[in-house]
Amino acid sequence: VKDLDFGNGTRLFDAVAESMDMLQGVQGRKVVLVFTDGDDTSSRVGRGKVLERARAEEVMVYAIGLEAVYFDGVRQ
C-alpha cells in the first residue's frame, strides 16, 4: 500500500475559534462563513468547545464544503 500525502492538515475548528475572537466587541449580528475542502484533522480546539462558544456568543457559523477529488495522490 502506497502512502499518499494530501498536503497540510485542516485546522477548521481553530479557524472558527480565531474568527470568533476577531468578532469580539462587534455590535449586531455576528456570522462566520467557512469554506473547507475536508474534515478537521489537526485543530487544538475541539468541535464541542467551538459550538458551545458560538451558542454562548450568539455567533452564526455557516460552512460550505468544497469537494476535492484525488486519484493516486494527484488532485483531479
PDB file of N, CA and C in Angstrom:
ATOM      1  N   VAL A   1       0.848  -1.178   0.000  1.00  0.00           N
ATOM      2  CA  VAL A   1       0.000   0.000   0.000  1.00  0.00           C
ATOM      3  C   VAL A   1       0.889   1.234   0.000  1.00  0.00           C
ATOM      4  N   LYS A   2       0.586   2.108  -0.886  1.00  0.00           N
ATOM      5  CA  LYS A   2       1.363   3.338  -1.056  1.00  0.00           C
ATOM      6  C   LYS A   2       0.847   4.426  -0.115  1.00  0.00           C
ATOM      7  N   ASP A   3       1.752   5.118   0.621  1.00  0.00           N
ATOM      8  CA  ASP A   3       1.358   6.237   1.471  1.00  0.00           C
ATOM      9  C   ASP A   3       1.158   7.458   0.595  1.00  0.00           C
ATOM     10  N   LEU A   4       0.004   8.106   0.754  1.00  0.00           N
ATOM     11  CA  LEU A   4      -0.301   9.291  -0.022  1.00  0.00           C
ATOM     12  C   LEU A   4      -0.252  10.516   0.871  1.00  0.00           C
ATOM     13  N   ASP A   5       0.364  11.569   0.398  1.00  0.00           N
ATOM     14  CA  ASP A   5       0.428  12.828   1.121  1.00  0.00           C
ATOM     15  C   ASP A   5      -0.520  13.796   0.432  1.00  0.00           C
ATOM     16  N   PHE A   6      -1.572  14.203   1.152  1.00  0.00           N
ATOM     17  CA  PHE A   6      -2.550  15.104   0.577  1.00  0.00           C
ATOM     18  C   PHE A   6      -2.336  16.544   1.030  1.00  0.00           C
ATOM     19  N   GLY A   7      -1.150  16.907   1.434  1.00  0.00           N
ATOM     20  CA  GLY A   7      -0.875  18.286   1.811  1.00  0.00           C
ATOM     21  C   GLY A   7      -0.987  18.515   3.305  1.00  0.00           C
ATOM     22  N   ASN A   8      -1.256  19.744   3.650  1.00  0.00           N
ATOM     23  CA  ASN A   8      -1.323  20.162   5.047  1.00  0.00           C
ATOM     24  C   ASN A   8      -2.618  19.718   5.710  1.00  0.00           C
ATOM     25  N   GLY A   9      -2.576  19.637   7.027  1.00  0.00           N
ATOM     26  CA  GLY A   9      -3.764  19.308   7.790  1.00  0.00           C
ATOM     27  C   GLY A   9      -4.769  20.452   7.766  1.00  0.00           C
ATOM     28  N   THR A  10      -5.995  20.149   8.132  1.00  0.00           N
ATOM     29  CA  THR A  10      -7.054  21.155   8.170  1.00  0.00           C
ATOM     30  C   THR A  10      -7.361  21.490   9.619  1.00  0.00           C
ATOM     31  N   ARG A  11      -7.172  22.746   9.979  1.00  0.00           N
ATOM     32  CA  ARG A  11      -7.456  23.213  11.337  1.00  0.00           C
ATOM     33  C   ARG A  11      -8.742  24.025  11.324  1.00  0.00           C
ATOM     34  N   LEU A  12      -9.823  23.372  10.951  1.00  0.00           N
ATOM     35  CA  LEU A  12     -11.119  24.022  10.777  1.00  0.00           C
ATOM     36  C   LEU A  12     -11.631  24.655  12.062  1.00  0.00           C
ATOM     37  N   PHE A  13     -11.642  23.914  13.151  1.00  0.00           N
ATOM     38  CA  PHE A  13     -12.186  24.441  14.403  1.00  0.00           C
ATOM     39  C   PHE A  13     -11.315  25.558  14.969  1.00  0.00           C
ATOM     40  N   ASP A  14     -10.007  25.463  14.800  1.00  0.00           N
ATOM     41  CA  ASP A  14      -9.124  26.556  15.214  1.00  0.00           C
ATOM     42  C   ASP A  14      -9.449  27.826  14.428  1.00  0.00           C
ATOM     43  N   ALA A  15      -9.723  27.687  13.141  1.00  0.00           N
ATOM     44  CA  ALA A  15     -10.040  28.841  12.303  1.00  0.00           C
ATOM     45  C   ALA A  15     -11.352  29.495  12.735  1.00  0.00           C
ATOM     46  N   VAL A  16     -12.350  28.684  13.053  1.00  0.00           N
ATOM     47  CA  VAL A  16     -13.634  29.232  13.509  1.00  0.00           C
ATOM     48  C   VAL A  16     -13.439  29.946  14.849  1.00  0.00           C
ATOM     49  N   ALA A  17     -12.687  29.344  15.749  1.00  0.00           N
ATOM     50  CA  ALA A  17     -12.423  29.971  17.049  1.00  0.00           C
ATOM     51  C   ALA A  17     -11.689  31.297  16.874  1.00  0.00           C
ATOM     52  N   GLU A  18     -10.718  31.346  15.994  1.00  0.00           N
ATOM     53  CA  GLU A  18      -9.979  32.590  15.729  1.00  0.00           C
ATOM     54  C   GLU A  18     -10.902  33.644  15.127  1.00  0.00           C
ATOM     55  N   SER A  19     -11.797  33.228  14.261  1.00  0.00           N
ATOM     56  CA  SER A  19     -12.761  34.169  13.672  1.00  0.00           C
ATOM     57  C   SER A  19     -13.667  34.752  14.740  1.00  0.00           C
ATOM     58  N   MET A  20     -14.103  33.920  15.679  1.00  0.00           N
ATOM     59  CA  MET A  20     -14.937  34.425  16.775  1.00  0.00           C
ATOM     60  C   MET A  20     -14.150  35.391  17.659  1.00  0.00           C
ATOM     61  N   ASP A  21     -12.856  35.135  17.842  1.00  0.00           N
ATOM     62  CA  ASP A  21     -12.009  36.071  18.595  1.00  0.00           C
ATOM     63  C   ASP A  21     -12.039  37.446  17.938  1.00  0.00           C
ATOM     64  N   MET A  22     -11.949  37.464  16.619  1.00  0.00           N
ATOM     65  CA  MET A  22     -11.908  38.724  15.875  1.00  0.00           C
ATOM     66  C   MET A  22     -13.251  39.458  15.907  1.00  0.00           C
ATOM     67  N   LEU A  23     -14.335  38.743  16.177  1.00  0.00           N
ATOM     68  CA  LEU A  23     -15.661  39.358  16.229  1.00  0.00           C
ATOM     69  C   LEU A  23     -16.014  39.906  17.608  1.00  0.00           C
ATOM     70  N   GLN A  24     -15.188  39.637  18.607  1.00  0.00           N
ATOM     71  CA  GLN A  24     -15.485  40.129  19.950  1.00  0.00           C
ATOM     72  C   GLN A  24     -15.503  41.652  19.933  1.00  0.00           C
ATOM     73  N   GLY A  25     -16.517  42.213  20.555  1.00  0.00           N
ATOM     74  CA  GLY A  25     -16.660  43.664  20.588  1.00  0.00           C
ATOM     75  C   GLY A  25     -17.470  44.223  19.435  1.00  0.00           C
ATOM     76  N   VAL A  26     -17.788  43.400  18.446  1.00  0.00           N
ATOM     77  CA  VAL A  26     -18.603  43.838  17.313  1.00  0.00           C
ATOM     78  C   VAL A  26     -20.063  43.839  17.733  1.00  0.00           C
ATOM     79  N   GLN A  27     -20.759  44.899  17.431  1.00  0.00           N
ATOM     80  CA  GLN A  27     -22.184  45.010  17.741  1.00  0.00           C
ATOM     81  C   GLN A  27     -22.997  44.460  16.572  1.00  0.00           C
ATOM     82  N   GLY A  28     -24.161  43.925  16.868  1.00  0.00           N
ATOM     83  CA  GLY A  28     -25.035  43.421  15.816  1.00  0.00           C
ATOM     84  C   GLY A  28     -24.798  41.952  15.530  1.00  0.00           C
ATOM     85  N   ARG A  29     -25.339  41.513  14.414  1.00  0.00           N
ATOM     86  CA  ARG A  29     -25.264  40.106  14.022  1.00  0.00           C
ATOM     87  C   ARG A  29     -23.828  39.698  13.716  1.00  0.00           C
ATOM     88  N   LYS A  30     -23.450  38.542  14.237  1.00  0.00           N
ATOM     89  CA  LYS A  30     -22.096  38.017  14.018  1.00  0.00           C
ATOM     90  C   LYS A  30     -22.209  36.719  13.230  1.00  0.00           C
ATOM     91  N   VAL A  31     -21.488  36.645  12.135  1.00  0.00           N
ATOM     92  CA  VAL A  31     -21.536  35.470  11.261  1.00  0.00           C
ATOM     93  C   VAL A  31     -20.118  35.066  10.883  1.00  0.00           C
ATOM     94  N   VAL A  32     -19.843  33.769  10.951  1.00  0.00           N
ATOM     95  CA  VAL A  32     -18.589  33.213  10.453  1.00  0.00           C
ATOM     96  C   VAL A  32     -18.962  32.307   9.281  1.00  0.00           C
ATOM     97  N   LEU A  33     -18.386  32.589   8.119  1.00  0.00           N
ATOM     98  CA  LEU A  33     -18.612  31.799   6.926  1.00  0.00           C
ATOM     99  C   LEU A  33     -17.331  31.031   6.628  1.00  0.00           C
ATOM    100  N   VAL A  34     -17.450  29.705   6.578  1.00  0.00           N
ATOM    101  CA  VAL A  34     -16.282  28.845   6.417  1.00  0.00           C
ATOM    102  C   VAL A  34     -16.371  28.100   5.091  1.00  0.00           C
ATOM    103  N   PHE A  35     -15.309  28.153   4.310  1.00  0.00           N
ATOM    104  CA  PHE A  35     -15.179  27.342   3.102  1.00  0.00           C
ATOM    105  C   PHE A  35     -14.119  26.290   3.403  1.00  0.00           C
ATOM    106  N   THR A  36     -14.451  25.029   3.230  1.00  0.00           N
ATOM    107  CA  THR A  36     -13.498  23.969   3.564  1.00  0.00           C
ATOM    108  C   THR A  36     -13.566  22.829   2.563  1.00  0.00           C
ATOM    109  N   ASP A  37     -12.445  22.160   2.400  1.00  0.00           N
ATOM    110  CA  ASP A  37     -12.394  21.010   1.492  1.00  0.00           C
ATOM    111  C   ASP A  37     -12.233  19.700   2.246  1.00  0.00           C
ATOM    112  N   GLY A  38     -12.417  19.751   3.557  1.00  0.00           N
ATOM    113  CA  GLY A  38     -12.252  18.500   4.284  1.00  0.00           C
ATOM    114  C   GLY A  38     -12.620  18.589   5.744  1.00  0.00           C
ATOM    115  N   ASP A  39     -12.465  17.469   6.434  1.00  0.00           N
ATOM    116  CA  ASP A  39     -12.723  17.403   7.866  1.00  0.00           C
ATOM    117  C   ASP A  39     -11.574  18.033   8.620  1.00  0.00           C
ATOM    118  N   ASP A  40     -11.867  18.450   9.832  1.00  0.00           N
ATOM    119  CA  ASP A  40     -10.821  18.948  10.696  1.00  0.00           C
ATOM    120  C   ASP A  40      -9.873  17.795  11.011  1.00  0.00           C
ATOM    121  N   THR A  41      -8.592  18.021  10.844  1.00  0.00           N
ATOM    122  CA  THR A  41      -7.619  16.957  11.081  1.00  0.00           C
ATOM    123  C   THR A  41      -6.574  17.302  12.131  1.00  0.00           C
ATOM    124  N   SER A  42      -6.463  18.576  12.518  1.00  0.00           N
ATOM    125  CA  SER A  42      -5.373  18.898  13.442  1.00  0.00           C
ATOM    126  C   SER A  42      -5.619  20.112  14.337  1.00  0.00           C
ATOM    127  N   SER A  43      -6.875  20.460  14.604  1.00  0.00           N
ATOM    128  CA  SER A  43      -7.155  21.608  15.479  1.00  0.00           C
ATOM    129  C   SER A  43      -6.794  21.320  16.918  1.00  0.00           C
ATOM    130  N   ARG A  44      -6.463  22.376  17.624  1.00  0.00           N
ATOM    131  CA  ARG A  44      -6.201  22.275  19.058  1.00  0.00           C
ATOM    132  C   ARG A  44      -7.495  22.461  19.848  1.00  0.00           C
ATOM    133  N   VAL A  45      -8.468  23.160  19.238  1.00  0.00           N
ATOM    134  CA  VAL A  45      -9.771  23.399  19.856  1.00  0.00           C
ATOM    135  C   VAL A  45     -10.742  22.357  19.309  1.00  0.00           C
ATOM    136  N   GLY A  46     -11.525  21.758  20.173  1.00  0.00           N
ATOM    137  CA  GLY A  46     -12.457  20.720  19.749  1.00  0.00           C
ATOM    138  C   GLY A  46     -13.772  21.277  19.227  1.00  0.00           C
ATOM    139  N   ARG A  47     -14.482  20.453  18.485  1.00  0.00           N
ATOM    140  CA  ARG A  47     -15.775  20.819  17.898  1.00  0.00           C
ATOM    141  C   ARG A  47     -16.771  21.256  18.965  1.00  0.00           C
ATOM    142  N   GLY A  48     -16.844  20.489  20.050  1.00  0.00           N
ATOM    143  CA  GLY A  48     -17.785  20.807  21.115  1.00  0.00           C
ATOM    144  C   GLY A  48     -17.549  22.182  21.710  1.00  0.00           C
ATOM    145  N   LYS A  49     -16.304  22.533  21.951  1.00  0.00           N
ATOM    146  CA  LYS A  49     -15.967  23.842  22.519  1.00  0.00           C
ATOM    147  C   LYS A  49     -16.343  24.969  21.567  1.00  0.00           C
ATOM    148  N   VAL A  50     -16.099  24.763  20.281  1.00  0.00           N
ATOM    149  CA  VAL A  50     -16.430  25.786  19.293  1.00  0.00           C
ATOM    150  C   VAL A  50     -17.940  25.983  19.222  1.00  0.00           C
ATOM    151  N   LEU A  51     -18.706  24.894  19.203  1.00  0.00           N
ATOM    152  CA  LEU A  51     -20.164  25.005  19.153  1.00  0.00           C
ATOM    153  C   LEU A  51     -20.722  25.659  20.414  1.00  0.00           C
ATOM    154  N   GLU A  52     -20.187  25.263  21.550  1.00  0.00           N
ATOM    155  CA  GLU A  52     -20.618  25.840  22.826  1.00  0.00           C
ATOM    156  C   GLU A  52     -20.361  27.344  22.847  1.00  0.00           C
ATOM    157  N   ARG A  53     -19.200  27.722  22.392  1.00  0.00           N
ATOM    158  CA  ARG A  53     -18.836  29.143  22.372  1.00  0.00           C
ATOM    159  C   ARG A  53     -19.694  29.923  21.371  1.00  0.00           C
ATOM    160  N   ALA A  54     -19.959  29.347  20.208  1.00  0.00           N
ATOM    161  CA  ALA A  54     -20.793  30.016  19.204  1.00  0.00           C
ATOM    162  C   ALA A  54     -22.193  30.274  19.764  1.00  0.00           C
ATOM    163  N   ARG A  55     -22.730  29.309  20.454  1.00  0.00           N
ATOM    164  CA  ARG A  55     -24.055  29.489  21.078  1.00  0.00           C
ATOM    165  C   ARG A  55     -24.014  30.584  22.139  1.00  0.00           C
ATOM    166  N   ALA A  56     -23.028  30.520  23.008  1.00  0.00           N
ATOM    167  CA  ALA A  56     -22.921  31.478  24.112  1.00  0.00           C
ATOM    168  C   ALA A  56     -22.722  32.906  23.604  1.00  0.00           C
ATOM    169  N   GLU A  57     -21.961  33.065  22.527  1.00  0.00           N
ATOM    170  CA  GLU A  57     -21.659  34.399  21.998  1.00  0.00           C
ATOM    171  C   GLU A  57     -22.594  34.806  20.863  1.00  0.00           C
ATOM    172  N   GLU A  58     -23.603  33.948  20.592  1.00  0.00           N
ATOM    173  CA  GLU A  58     -24.584  34.201  19.536  1.00  0.00           C
ATOM    174  C   GLU A  58     -23.929  34.495  18.189  1.00  0.00           C
ATOM    175  N   VAL A  59     -23.012  33.622  17.814  1.00  0.00           N
ATOM    176  CA  VAL A  59     -22.337  33.708  16.520  1.00  0.00           C
ATOM    177  C   VAL A  59     -22.911  32.617  15.617  1.00  0.00           C
ATOM    178  N   MET A  60     -23.382  33.021  14.442  1.00  0.00           N
ATOM    179  CA  MET A  60     -23.875  32.048  13.467  1.00  0.00           C
ATOM    180  C   MET A  60     -22.685  31.550  12.642  1.00  0.00           C
ATOM    181  N   VAL A  61     -22.571  30.238  12.516  1.00  0.00           N
ATOM    182  CA  VAL A  61     -21.481  29.653  11.749  1.00  0.00           C
ATOM    183  C   VAL A  61     -22.081  28.883  10.575  1.00  0.00           C
ATOM    184  N   TYR A  62     -21.700  29.284   9.370  1.00  0.00           N
ATOM    185  CA  TYR A  62     -22.145  28.608   8.152  1.00  0.00           C
ATOM    186  C   TYR A  62     -20.924  27.984   7.491  1.00  0.00           C
ATOM    187  N   ALA A  63     -21.068  26.739   7.089  1.00  0.00           N
ATOM    188  CA  ALA A  63     -19.952  26.042   6.435  1.00  0.00           C
ATOM    189  C   ALA A  63     -20.364  25.618   5.037  1.00  0.00           C
ATOM    190  N   ILE A  64     -19.470  25.852   4.095  1.00  0.00           N
ATOM    191  CA  ILE A  64     -19.667  25.417   2.714  1.00  0.00           C
ATOM    192  C   ILE A  64     -18.537  24.439   2.410  1.00  0.00           C
ATOM    193  N   GLY A  65     -18.916  23.215   2.091  1.00  0.00           N
ATOM    194  CA  GLY A  65     -17.932  22.179   1.786  1.00  0.00           C
ATOM    195  C   GLY A  65     -17.595  22.151   0.312  1.00  0.00           C
ATOM    196  N   LEU A  66     -16.318  22.147   0.023  1.00  0.00           N
ATOM    197  CA  LEU A  66     -15.827  22.063  -1.347  1.00  0.00           C
ATOM    198  C   LEU A  66     -15.220  20.691  -1.543  1.00  0.00           C
ATOM    199  N   GLU A  67     -15.660  19.987  -2.545  1.00  0.00           N
ATOM    200  CA  GLU A  67     -15.164  18.635  -2.771  1.00  0.00           C
ATOM    201  C   GLU A  67     -13.844  18.679  -3.531  1.00  0.00           C
ATOM    202  N   ALA A  68     -12.883  17.941  -3.028  1.00  0.00           N
ATOM    203  CA  ALA A  68     -11.598  17.783  -3.711  1.00  0.00           C
ATOM    204  C   ALA A  68     -11.460  16.303  -4.053  1.00  0.00           C
ATOM    205  N   VAL A  69     -11.239  16.016  -5.304  1.00  0.00           N
ATOM    206  CA  VAL A  69     -11.140  14.628  -5.756  1.00  0.00           C
ATOM    207  C   VAL A  69      -9.668  14.310  -6.025  1.00  0.00           C
ATOM    208  N   TYR A  70      -9.205  13.210  -5.440  1.00  0.00           N
ATOM    209  CA  TYR A  70      -7.817  12.789  -5.625  1.00  0.00           C
ATOM    210  C   TYR A  70      -7.789  11.410  -6.270  1.00  0.00           C
ATOM    211  N   PHE A  71      -6.804  11.199  -7.097  1.00  0.00           N
ATOM    212  CA  PHE A  71      -6.569   9.899  -7.692  1.00  0.00           C
ATOM    213  C   PHE A  71      -5.063   9.664  -7.651  1.00  0.00           C
ATOM    214  N   ASP A  72      -4.642   8.641  -6.941  1.00  0.00           N
ATOM    215  CA  ASP A  72      -3.228   8.348  -6.775  1.00  0.00           C
ATOM    216  C   ASP A  72      -2.431   9.561  -6.267  1.00  0.00           C
ATOM    217  N   GLY A  73      -3.061  10.337  -5.359  1.00  0.00           N
ATOM    218  CA  GLY A  73      -2.360  11.457  -4.744  1.00  0.00           C
ATOM    219  C   GLY A  73      -2.325  12.734  -5.562  1.00  0.00           C
ATOM    220  N   VAL A  74      -2.942  12.724  -6.732  1.00  0.00           N
ATOM    221  CA  VAL A  74      -2.925  13.901  -7.593  1.00  0.00           C
ATOM    222  C   VAL A  74      -4.343  14.472  -7.659  1.00  0.00           C
ATOM    223  N   ARG A  75      -4.445  15.757  -7.426  1.00  0.00           N
ATOM    224  CA  ARG A  75      -5.763  16.396  -7.477  1.00  0.00           C
ATOM    225  C   ARG A  75      -6.259  16.395  -8.918  1.00  0.00           C
ATOM    226  N   GLN A  76      -7.492  16.005  -9.098  1.00  0.00           N
ATOM    227  CA  GLN A  76      -8.102  15.963 -10.432  1.00  0.00           C
ATOM    228  C   GLN A  76      -8.833  17.260 -10.714  1.00  0.00           C
TER     229      GLN A  76
END
